[in-house]
Amino acid sequence: MPSALILYSNGVKTMRTIKVLTTLCLTTFAAMSFAEVSVIVHPSNAATVDATAIERIFLGKEKSFSNGAKAVPVNLESSAAEREEFETKVLDKSPAQLKAYWSKLIFTGKGTQPAEASVSEMIELVSSNPNIIGYVPSSAVTDAVKVVHTAK
């Protein structure tokens, strides 16, 4: 009989542990799904950059900003959670859809995928080159760059 009590006691502890872990996972997921991503350019870039222009630039359909200056898109590293956030909220495509899209363009010689950078590299690249457009978590934005769009 005591072994049955121990088993029941362990079962209760296991259920409590599962509840705590589930709550923790759901809270983390909820926080991640509400992360803001800011699209950034050099502070001197005076071009009008709306959501449509951003999508066209990052899909290789547009090669210049509205003011005629060359536009060079740079993605965050594929391991960055904000990259998927940007792809789904701004480009309206899943990572799998974008992989297929770029594979087709690269195979046919009609496009090259944007370069990749870490968050700190992105801030450095954008702040030093008026032609680069990128995106970072909104919490990483500094005075060295200008936010042109925020995806929530």
N, C-alpha and C. Protein backbone atom coordinates (compact mmCIF):
# COMPACT_ATOMS: atom_id res chain seq x y z
N MET A 1 0.81 -1.20 0.00
CA MET A 1 0.00 0.00 0.00
C MET A 1 0.85 1.26 0.00
N PRO A 2 1.92 1.36 0.78
CA PRO A 2 2.74 2.55 0.74
C PRO A 2 3.30 2.84 -0.66
N SER A 3 3.60 1.78 -1.43
CA SER A 3 4.13 2.02 -2.78
C SER A 3 3.07 2.69 -3.66
N ALA A 4 1.79 2.40 -3.43
CA ALA A 4 0.72 3.05 -4.18
C ALA A 4 0.65 4.54 -3.83
N LEU A 5 0.88 4.87 -2.57
CA LEU A 5 0.88 6.26 -2.15
C LEU A 5 2.04 7.03 -2.79
N ILE A 6 3.18 6.40 -2.86
CA ILE A 6 4.34 7.04 -3.48
C ILE A 6 4.07 7.28 -4.96
N LEU A 7 3.51 6.29 -5.64
CA LEU A 7 3.18 6.43 -7.05
C LEU A 7 2.19 7.57 -7.25
N TYR A 8 1.16 7.62 -6.41
CA TYR A 8 0.16 8.69 -6.52
C TYR A 8 0.80 10.04 -6.24
N SER A 9 1.65 10.07 -5.22
CA SER A 9 2.32 11.31 -4.86
C SER A 9 3.21 11.78 -6.01
N ASN A 10 3.95 10.87 -6.64
CA ASN A 10 4.79 11.23 -7.78
C ASN A 10 3.93 11.67 -8.96
N GLY A 11 2.77 11.06 -9.14
CA GLY A 11 1.86 11.44 -10.21
C GLY A 11 1.38 12.87 -10.05
N VAL A 12 1.07 13.27 -8.82
CA VAL A 12 0.64 14.64 -8.54
C VAL A 12 1.78 15.61 -8.83
N LYS A 13 2.99 15.25 -8.38
CA LYS A 13 4.15 16.10 -8.64
C LYS A 13 4.40 16.22 -10.15
N THR A 14 4.25 15.13 -10.86
CA THR A 14 4.45 15.14 -12.31
C THR A 14 3.42 16.03 -12.98
N MET A 15 2.17 15.94 -12.54
CA MET A 15 1.11 16.78 -13.13
C MET A 15 1.38 18.25 -12.85
N ARG A 16 1.83 18.57 -11.65
CA ARG A 16 2.16 19.97 -11.33
C ARG A 16 3.30 20.46 -12.21
N THR A 17 4.31 19.62 -12.38
CA THR A 17 5.45 19.97 -13.22
C THR A 17 5.00 20.21 -14.66
N ILE A 18 4.14 19.36 -15.18
CA ILE A 18 3.63 19.50 -16.54
C ILE A 18 2.85 20.81 -16.67
N LYS A 19 2.02 21.12 -15.68
CA LYS A 19 1.24 22.37 -15.71
C LYS A 19 2.16 23.59 -15.72
N VAL A 20 3.18 23.56 -14.88
CA VAL A 20 4.11 24.69 -14.80
C VAL A 20 4.86 24.85 -16.12
N LEU A 21 5.34 23.74 -16.68
CA LEU A 21 6.07 23.80 -17.95
C LEU A 21 5.17 24.27 -19.09
N THR A 22 3.93 23.81 -19.12
CA THR A 22 2.99 24.24 -20.15
C THR A 22 2.73 25.73 -20.06
N THR A 23 2.51 26.23 -18.86
CA THR A 23 2.28 27.66 -18.66
C THR A 23 3.50 28.46 -19.10
N LEU A 24 4.68 28.00 -18.74
CA LEU A 24 5.92 28.68 -19.12
C LEU A 24 6.07 28.72 -20.65
N CYS A 25 5.82 27.60 -21.31
CA CYS A 25 5.93 27.53 -22.77
C CYS A 25 4.92 28.46 -23.44
N LEU A 26 3.69 28.46 -22.97
CA LEU A 26 2.66 29.32 -23.56
C LEU A 26 2.98 30.79 -23.37
N THR A 27 3.49 31.14 -22.21
CA THR A 27 3.88 32.52 -21.94
C THR A 27 5.02 32.95 -22.86
N THR A 28 6.02 32.09 -23.01
CA THR A 28 7.15 32.39 -23.89
C THR A 28 6.68 32.53 -25.33
N PHE A 29 5.83 31.62 -25.79
CA PHE A 29 5.31 31.68 -27.16
C PHE A 29 4.52 32.95 -27.38
N ALA A 30 3.69 33.32 -26.42
CA ALA A 30 2.89 34.54 -26.55
C ALA A 30 3.79 35.77 -26.63
N ALA A 31 4.83 35.81 -25.84
CA ALA A 31 5.76 36.95 -25.88
C ALA A 31 6.48 37.01 -27.21
N MET A 32 6.87 35.85 -27.75
CA MET A 32 7.57 35.82 -29.03
C MET A 32 6.65 36.24 -30.17
N SER A 33 5.39 35.88 -30.11
CA SER A 33 4.50 36.18 -31.21
C SER A 33 4.10 37.65 -31.25
N PHE A 34 4.40 38.40 -30.22
CA PHE A 34 4.07 39.82 -30.20
C PHE A 34 5.32 40.70 -30.33
N ALA A 35 6.45 40.09 -30.72
CA ALA A 35 7.68 40.87 -30.88
C ALA A 35 7.53 41.80 -32.08
N GLU A 36 8.02 43.01 -31.92
CA GLU A 36 7.98 43.98 -33.01
C GLU A 36 9.29 43.91 -33.79
N VAL A 37 9.16 44.03 -35.10
CA VAL A 37 10.31 44.08 -35.98
C VAL A 37 10.29 45.43 -36.69
N SER A 38 11.40 46.13 -36.65
CA SER A 38 11.50 47.44 -37.29
C SER A 38 12.34 47.35 -38.56
N VAL A 39 11.80 47.88 -39.65
CA VAL A 39 12.55 47.97 -40.91
C VAL A 39 13.33 49.27 -40.84
N ILE A 40 14.63 49.19 -41.12
CA ILE A 40 15.51 50.34 -40.92
C ILE A 40 16.29 50.71 -42.18
N VAL A 41 16.61 52.00 -42.28
CA VAL A 41 17.46 52.52 -43.35
C VAL A 41 18.42 53.53 -42.71
N HIS A 42 19.35 54.01 -43.51
CA HIS A 42 20.29 55.04 -43.07
C HIS A 42 19.51 56.33 -42.78
N PRO A 43 19.88 57.09 -41.77
CA PRO A 43 19.15 58.33 -41.44
C PRO A 43 19.07 59.34 -42.59
N SER A 44 20.03 59.31 -43.51
CA SER A 44 20.02 60.27 -44.62
C SER A 44 19.11 59.82 -45.77
N ASN A 45 18.59 58.61 -45.70
CA ASN A 45 17.73 58.09 -46.77
C ASN A 45 16.37 58.80 -46.69
N ALA A 46 16.07 59.64 -47.67
CA ALA A 46 14.83 60.42 -47.67
C ALA A 46 13.73 59.78 -48.51
N ALA A 47 13.97 58.57 -49.00
CA ALA A 47 12.98 57.89 -49.85
C ALA A 47 11.72 57.56 -49.05
N THR A 48 10.60 57.49 -49.77
CA THR A 48 9.36 57.02 -49.17
C THR A 48 9.39 55.50 -49.22
N VAL A 49 9.31 54.88 -48.06
CA VAL A 49 9.41 53.43 -47.99
C VAL A 49 8.18 52.90 -47.26
N ASP A 50 7.21 52.40 -48.04
CA ASP A 50 6.00 51.84 -47.43
C ASP A 50 6.08 50.31 -47.46
N ALA A 51 5.06 49.65 -46.94
CA ALA A 51 5.06 48.19 -46.84
C ALA A 51 5.20 47.52 -48.21
N THR A 52 4.56 48.09 -49.22
CA THR A 52 4.64 47.52 -50.57
C THR A 52 6.06 47.62 -51.12
N ALA A 53 6.68 48.77 -50.93
CA ALA A 53 8.06 48.96 -51.39
C ALA A 53 9.00 47.99 -50.68
N ILE A 54 8.81 47.81 -49.38
CA ILE A 54 9.66 46.89 -48.61
C ILE A 54 9.52 45.47 -49.16
N GLU A 55 8.29 45.04 -49.39
CA GLU A 55 8.06 43.70 -49.92
C GLU A 55 8.73 43.54 -51.28
N ARG A 56 8.56 44.50 -52.16
CA ARG A 56 9.13 44.42 -53.51
C ARG A 56 10.66 44.41 -53.47
N ILE A 57 11.24 45.21 -52.59
CA ILE A 57 12.71 45.26 -52.47
C ILE A 57 13.24 43.92 -51.95
N PHE A 58 12.63 43.39 -50.90
CA PHE A 58 13.13 42.14 -50.30
C PHE A 58 12.82 40.90 -51.15
N LEU A 59 11.90 41.02 -52.10
CA LEU A 59 11.64 39.90 -53.01
C LEU A 59 12.38 40.07 -54.34
N GLY A 60 13.23 41.09 -54.42
CA GLY A 60 14.04 41.29 -55.61
C GLY A 60 13.28 41.85 -56.80
N LYS A 61 12.06 42.34 -56.57
CA LYS A 61 11.24 42.88 -57.66
C LYS A 61 11.51 44.36 -57.91
N GLU A 62 12.14 45.00 -56.95
CA GLU A 62 12.47 46.42 -57.04
C GLU A 62 13.94 46.57 -56.66
N LYS A 63 14.69 47.32 -57.43
CA LYS A 63 16.13 47.45 -57.20
C LYS A 63 16.52 48.82 -56.66
N SER A 64 15.54 49.74 -56.56
CA SER A 64 15.87 51.08 -56.08
C SER A 64 14.75 51.63 -55.20
N PHE A 65 15.13 52.63 -54.39
CA PHE A 65 14.17 53.32 -53.55
C PHE A 65 13.36 54.29 -54.41
N SER A 66 12.33 54.87 -53.84
CA SER A 66 11.46 55.80 -54.57
C SER A 66 12.20 57.03 -55.09
N ASN A 67 13.32 57.37 -54.45
CA ASN A 67 14.11 58.54 -54.87
C ASN A 67 15.15 58.20 -55.94
N GLY A 68 15.16 56.94 -56.40
CA GLY A 68 16.08 56.51 -57.45
C GLY A 68 17.38 55.91 -56.95
N ALA A 69 17.67 56.04 -55.67
CA ALA A 69 18.89 55.47 -55.10
C ALA A 69 18.79 53.94 -55.07
N LYS A 70 19.92 53.28 -55.28
CA LYS A 70 19.97 51.82 -55.26
C LYS A 70 19.53 51.29 -53.89
N ALA A 71 18.73 50.23 -53.89
CA ALA A 71 18.28 49.59 -52.64
C ALA A 71 18.94 48.23 -52.50
N VAL A 72 19.61 48.03 -51.39
CA VAL A 72 20.29 46.77 -51.12
C VAL A 72 19.68 46.14 -49.87
N PRO A 73 18.82 45.12 -50.04
CA PRO A 73 18.21 44.49 -48.87
C PRO A 73 19.18 43.53 -48.17
N VAL A 74 19.10 43.49 -46.85
CA VAL A 74 19.90 42.55 -46.06
C VAL A 74 18.97 41.89 -45.06
N ASN A 75 18.99 40.56 -45.03
CA ASN A 75 18.18 39.78 -44.09
C ASN A 75 18.94 39.52 -42.80
N LEU A 76 18.19 39.29 -41.74
CA LEU A 76 18.81 38.76 -40.53
C LEU A 76 19.19 37.31 -40.80
N GLU A 77 20.09 36.79 -40.01
CA GLU A 77 20.50 35.39 -40.14
C GLU A 77 19.27 34.48 -40.06
N SER A 78 19.31 33.36 -40.76
CA SER A 78 18.16 32.47 -40.80
C SER A 78 17.79 31.91 -39.43
N SER A 79 18.73 31.91 -38.50
CA SER A 79 18.46 31.39 -37.15
C SER A 79 17.75 32.41 -36.25
N ALA A 80 17.65 33.66 -36.70
CA ALA A 80 17.02 34.71 -35.89
C ALA A 80 15.50 34.58 -35.93
N ALA A 81 14.87 34.59 -34.76
CA ALA A 81 13.41 34.48 -34.68
C ALA A 81 12.73 35.66 -35.39
N GLU A 82 13.36 36.81 -35.36
CA GLU A 82 12.78 38.00 -35.99
C GLU A 82 12.73 37.87 -37.51
N ARG A 83 13.57 37.02 -38.06
CA ARG A 83 13.53 36.82 -39.52
C ARG A 83 12.20 36.20 -39.93
N GLU A 84 11.79 35.15 -39.23
CA GLU A 84 10.51 34.52 -39.55
C GLU A 84 9.36 35.51 -39.31
N GLU A 85 9.48 36.30 -38.27
CA GLU A 85 8.47 37.33 -37.97
C GLU A 85 8.36 38.30 -39.15
N PHE A 86 9.49 38.76 -39.64
CA PHE A 86 9.53 39.68 -40.78
C PHE A 86 8.93 39.02 -42.03
N GLU A 87 9.35 37.80 -42.29
CA GLU A 87 8.88 37.10 -43.49
C GLU A 87 7.38 36.89 -43.49
N THR A 88 6.83 36.53 -42.34
CA THR A 88 5.39 36.27 -42.29
C THR A 88 4.56 37.55 -42.22
N LYS A 89 5.02 38.54 -41.46
CA LYS A 89 4.22 39.75 -41.27
C LYS A 89 4.43 40.81 -42.36
N VAL A 90 5.64 40.93 -42.87
CA VAL A 90 5.92 41.97 -43.86
C VAL A 90 5.86 41.42 -45.28
N LEU A 91 6.49 40.26 -45.50
CA LEU A 91 6.50 39.68 -46.84
C LEU A 91 5.29 38.79 -47.10
N ASP A 92 4.56 38.46 -46.04
CA ASP A 92 3.36 37.62 -46.14
C ASP A 92 3.67 36.25 -46.75
N LYS A 93 4.82 35.70 -46.36
CA LYS A 93 5.25 34.38 -46.85
C LYS A 93 5.87 33.59 -45.71
N SER A 94 5.70 32.29 -45.79
CA SER A 94 6.33 31.42 -44.80
C SER A 94 7.80 31.21 -45.21
N PRO A 95 8.64 30.76 -44.29
CA PRO A 95 10.03 30.47 -44.66
C PRO A 95 10.11 29.44 -45.80
N ALA A 96 9.24 28.46 -45.81
CA ALA A 96 9.25 27.45 -46.88
C ALA A 96 8.88 28.08 -48.23
N GLN A 97 7.90 28.98 -48.23
CA GLN A 97 7.52 29.66 -49.47
C GLN A 97 8.68 30.51 -50.00
N LEU A 98 9.37 31.20 -49.11
CA LEU A 98 10.50 32.03 -49.54
C LEU A 98 11.65 31.18 -50.05
N LYS A 99 11.89 30.06 -49.42
CA LYS A 99 12.95 29.17 -49.89
C LYS A 99 12.66 28.71 -51.31
N ALA A 100 11.42 28.32 -51.58
CA ALA A 100 11.03 27.90 -52.92
C ALA A 100 11.12 29.05 -53.91
N TYR A 101 10.68 30.23 -53.49
CA TYR A 101 10.71 31.43 -54.32
C TYR A 101 12.14 31.74 -54.77
N TRP A 102 13.07 31.78 -53.80
CA TRP A 102 14.45 32.12 -54.12
C TRP A 102 15.14 31.01 -54.89
N SER A 103 14.81 29.77 -54.60
CA SER A 103 15.40 28.66 -55.35
C SER A 103 15.08 28.79 -56.83
N LYS A 104 13.84 29.13 -57.14
CA LYS A 104 13.41 29.29 -58.53
C LYS A 104 14.15 30.45 -59.20
N LEU A 105 14.21 31.61 -58.51
CA LEU A 105 14.89 32.77 -59.09
C LEU A 105 16.38 32.52 -59.30
N ILE A 106 17.01 31.89 -58.34
CA ILE A 106 18.44 31.62 -58.44
C ILE A 106 18.71 30.61 -59.56
N PHE A 107 17.89 29.55 -59.64
CA PHE A 107 18.06 28.52 -60.65
C PHE A 107 17.90 29.09 -62.06
N THR A 108 16.96 30.01 -62.24
CA THR A 108 16.73 30.59 -63.57
C THR A 108 17.64 31.78 -63.85
N GLY A 109 18.47 32.17 -62.88
CA GLY A 109 19.39 33.28 -63.07
C GLY A 109 18.72 34.64 -63.02
N LYS A 110 17.53 34.71 -62.44
CA LYS A 110 16.78 35.96 -62.41
C LYS A 110 16.89 36.72 -61.09
N GLY A 111 17.67 36.22 -60.17
CA GLY A 111 17.78 36.93 -58.90
C GLY A 111 18.82 36.33 -57.99
N THR A 112 19.21 37.11 -57.00
CA THR A 112 20.11 36.64 -55.95
C THR A 112 19.50 37.00 -54.61
N GLN A 113 19.56 36.07 -53.72
CA GLN A 113 18.99 36.24 -52.39
C GLN A 113 19.76 37.31 -51.62
N PRO A 114 19.05 38.12 -50.79
CA PRO A 114 19.76 39.14 -49.99
C PRO A 114 20.80 38.51 -49.07
N ALA A 115 21.84 39.28 -48.80
CA ALA A 115 22.87 38.86 -47.84
C ALA A 115 22.25 38.74 -46.46
N GLU A 116 22.98 38.11 -45.53
CA GLU A 116 22.51 37.93 -44.16
C GLU A 116 23.46 38.60 -43.18
N ALA A 117 22.91 39.02 -42.06
CA ALA A 117 23.72 39.65 -41.01
C ALA A 117 23.09 39.39 -39.65
N SER A 118 23.89 39.49 -38.61
CA SER A 118 23.37 39.43 -37.25
C SER A 118 22.73 40.78 -36.93
N VAL A 119 22.08 40.88 -35.79
CA VAL A 119 21.44 42.15 -35.40
C VAL A 119 22.48 43.27 -35.29
N SER A 120 23.58 43.02 -34.61
CA SER A 120 24.60 44.07 -34.46
C SER A 120 25.24 44.42 -35.80
N GLU A 121 25.47 43.42 -36.64
CA GLU A 121 26.02 43.69 -37.97
C GLU A 121 25.03 44.50 -38.80
N MET A 122 23.74 44.22 -38.65
CA MET A 122 22.71 44.93 -39.41
C MET A 122 22.73 46.42 -39.06
N ILE A 123 22.77 46.72 -37.77
CA ILE A 123 22.82 48.12 -37.33
C ILE A 123 24.06 48.80 -37.92
N GLU A 124 25.19 48.13 -37.88
CA GLU A 124 26.45 48.68 -38.41
C GLU A 124 26.36 48.89 -39.92
N LEU A 125 25.85 47.91 -40.65
CA LEU A 125 25.73 48.01 -42.11
C LEU A 125 24.81 49.16 -42.52
N VAL A 126 23.63 49.20 -41.93
CA VAL A 126 22.65 50.23 -42.29
C VAL A 126 23.14 51.62 -41.91
N SER A 127 23.77 51.74 -40.76
CA SER A 127 24.24 53.06 -40.32
C SER A 127 25.42 53.57 -41.14
N SER A 128 26.08 52.69 -41.87
CA SER A 128 27.25 53.10 -42.65
C SER A 128 27.01 53.15 -44.15
N ASN A 129 25.81 52.76 -44.61
CA ASN A 129 25.54 52.72 -46.05
C ASN A 129 24.10 53.16 -46.35
N PRO A 130 23.90 54.30 -47.01
CA PRO A 130 22.55 54.80 -47.30
C PRO A 130 21.73 53.91 -48.24
N ASN A 131 22.37 52.97 -48.91
CA ASN A 131 21.65 52.10 -49.85
C ASN A 131 21.06 50.85 -49.20
N ILE A 132 21.50 50.53 -48.01
CA ILE A 132 21.06 49.28 -47.37
C ILE A 132 19.74 49.48 -46.63
N ILE A 133 18.87 48.48 -46.76
CA ILE A 133 17.63 48.41 -46.00
C ILE A 133 17.63 47.06 -45.30
N GLY A 134 17.29 47.07 -44.02
CA GLY A 134 17.28 45.84 -43.24
C GLY A 134 16.20 45.89 -42.18
N TYR A 135 16.26 44.99 -41.26
CA TYR A 135 15.28 44.94 -40.17
C TYR A 135 15.92 44.33 -38.94
N VAL A 136 15.45 44.76 -37.79
CA VAL A 136 15.96 44.29 -36.50
C VAL A 136 14.81 44.25 -35.51
N PRO A 137 14.99 43.57 -34.38
CA PRO A 137 13.97 43.68 -33.34
C PRO A 137 13.86 45.15 -32.94
N SER A 138 12.66 45.62 -32.70
CA SER A 138 12.47 47.04 -32.35
C SER A 138 13.29 47.45 -31.13
N SER A 139 13.51 46.51 -30.23
CA SER A 139 14.30 46.81 -29.03
C SER A 139 15.77 47.07 -29.34
N ALA A 140 16.24 46.71 -30.55
CA ALA A 140 17.64 46.88 -30.91
C ALA A 140 17.91 48.17 -31.69
N VAL A 141 16.86 48.91 -32.02
CA VAL A 141 17.01 50.14 -32.81
C VAL A 141 17.82 51.17 -32.03
N THR A 142 18.74 51.83 -32.74
CA THR A 142 19.55 52.90 -32.14
C THR A 142 19.35 54.19 -32.94
N ASP A 143 19.96 55.27 -32.46
CA ASP A 143 19.90 56.56 -33.16
C ASP A 143 20.68 56.55 -34.46
N ALA A 144 21.48 55.52 -34.68
CA ALA A 144 22.32 55.44 -35.88
C ALA A 144 21.53 55.03 -37.12
N VAL A 145 20.26 54.62 -36.94
CA VAL A 145 19.42 54.19 -38.06
C VAL A 145 18.06 54.87 -37.98
N LYS A 146 17.32 54.79 -39.10
CA LYS A 146 15.98 55.37 -39.14
C LYS A 146 14.96 54.27 -39.40
N VAL A 147 13.92 54.23 -38.58
CA VAL A 147 12.85 53.24 -38.74
C VAL A 147 11.85 53.75 -39.77
N VAL A 148 11.57 52.93 -40.79
CA VAL A 148 10.63 53.33 -41.83
C VAL A 148 9.32 52.52 -41.78
N HIS A 149 9.35 51.42 -41.02
CA HIS A 149 8.15 50.58 -40.90
C HIS A 149 8.32 49.69 -39.68
N THR A 150 7.22 49.45 -38.97
CA THR A 150 7.24 48.54 -37.83
C THR A 150 6.16 47.50 -38.02
N ALA A 151 6.57 46.23 -37.95
CA ALA A 151 5.62 45.13 -38.07
C ALA A 151 5.30 44.63 -36.68
N LYS A 152 4.02 44.61 -36.35
CA LYS A 152 3.59 44.17 -35.02
C LYS A 152 2.90 42.85 -35.09
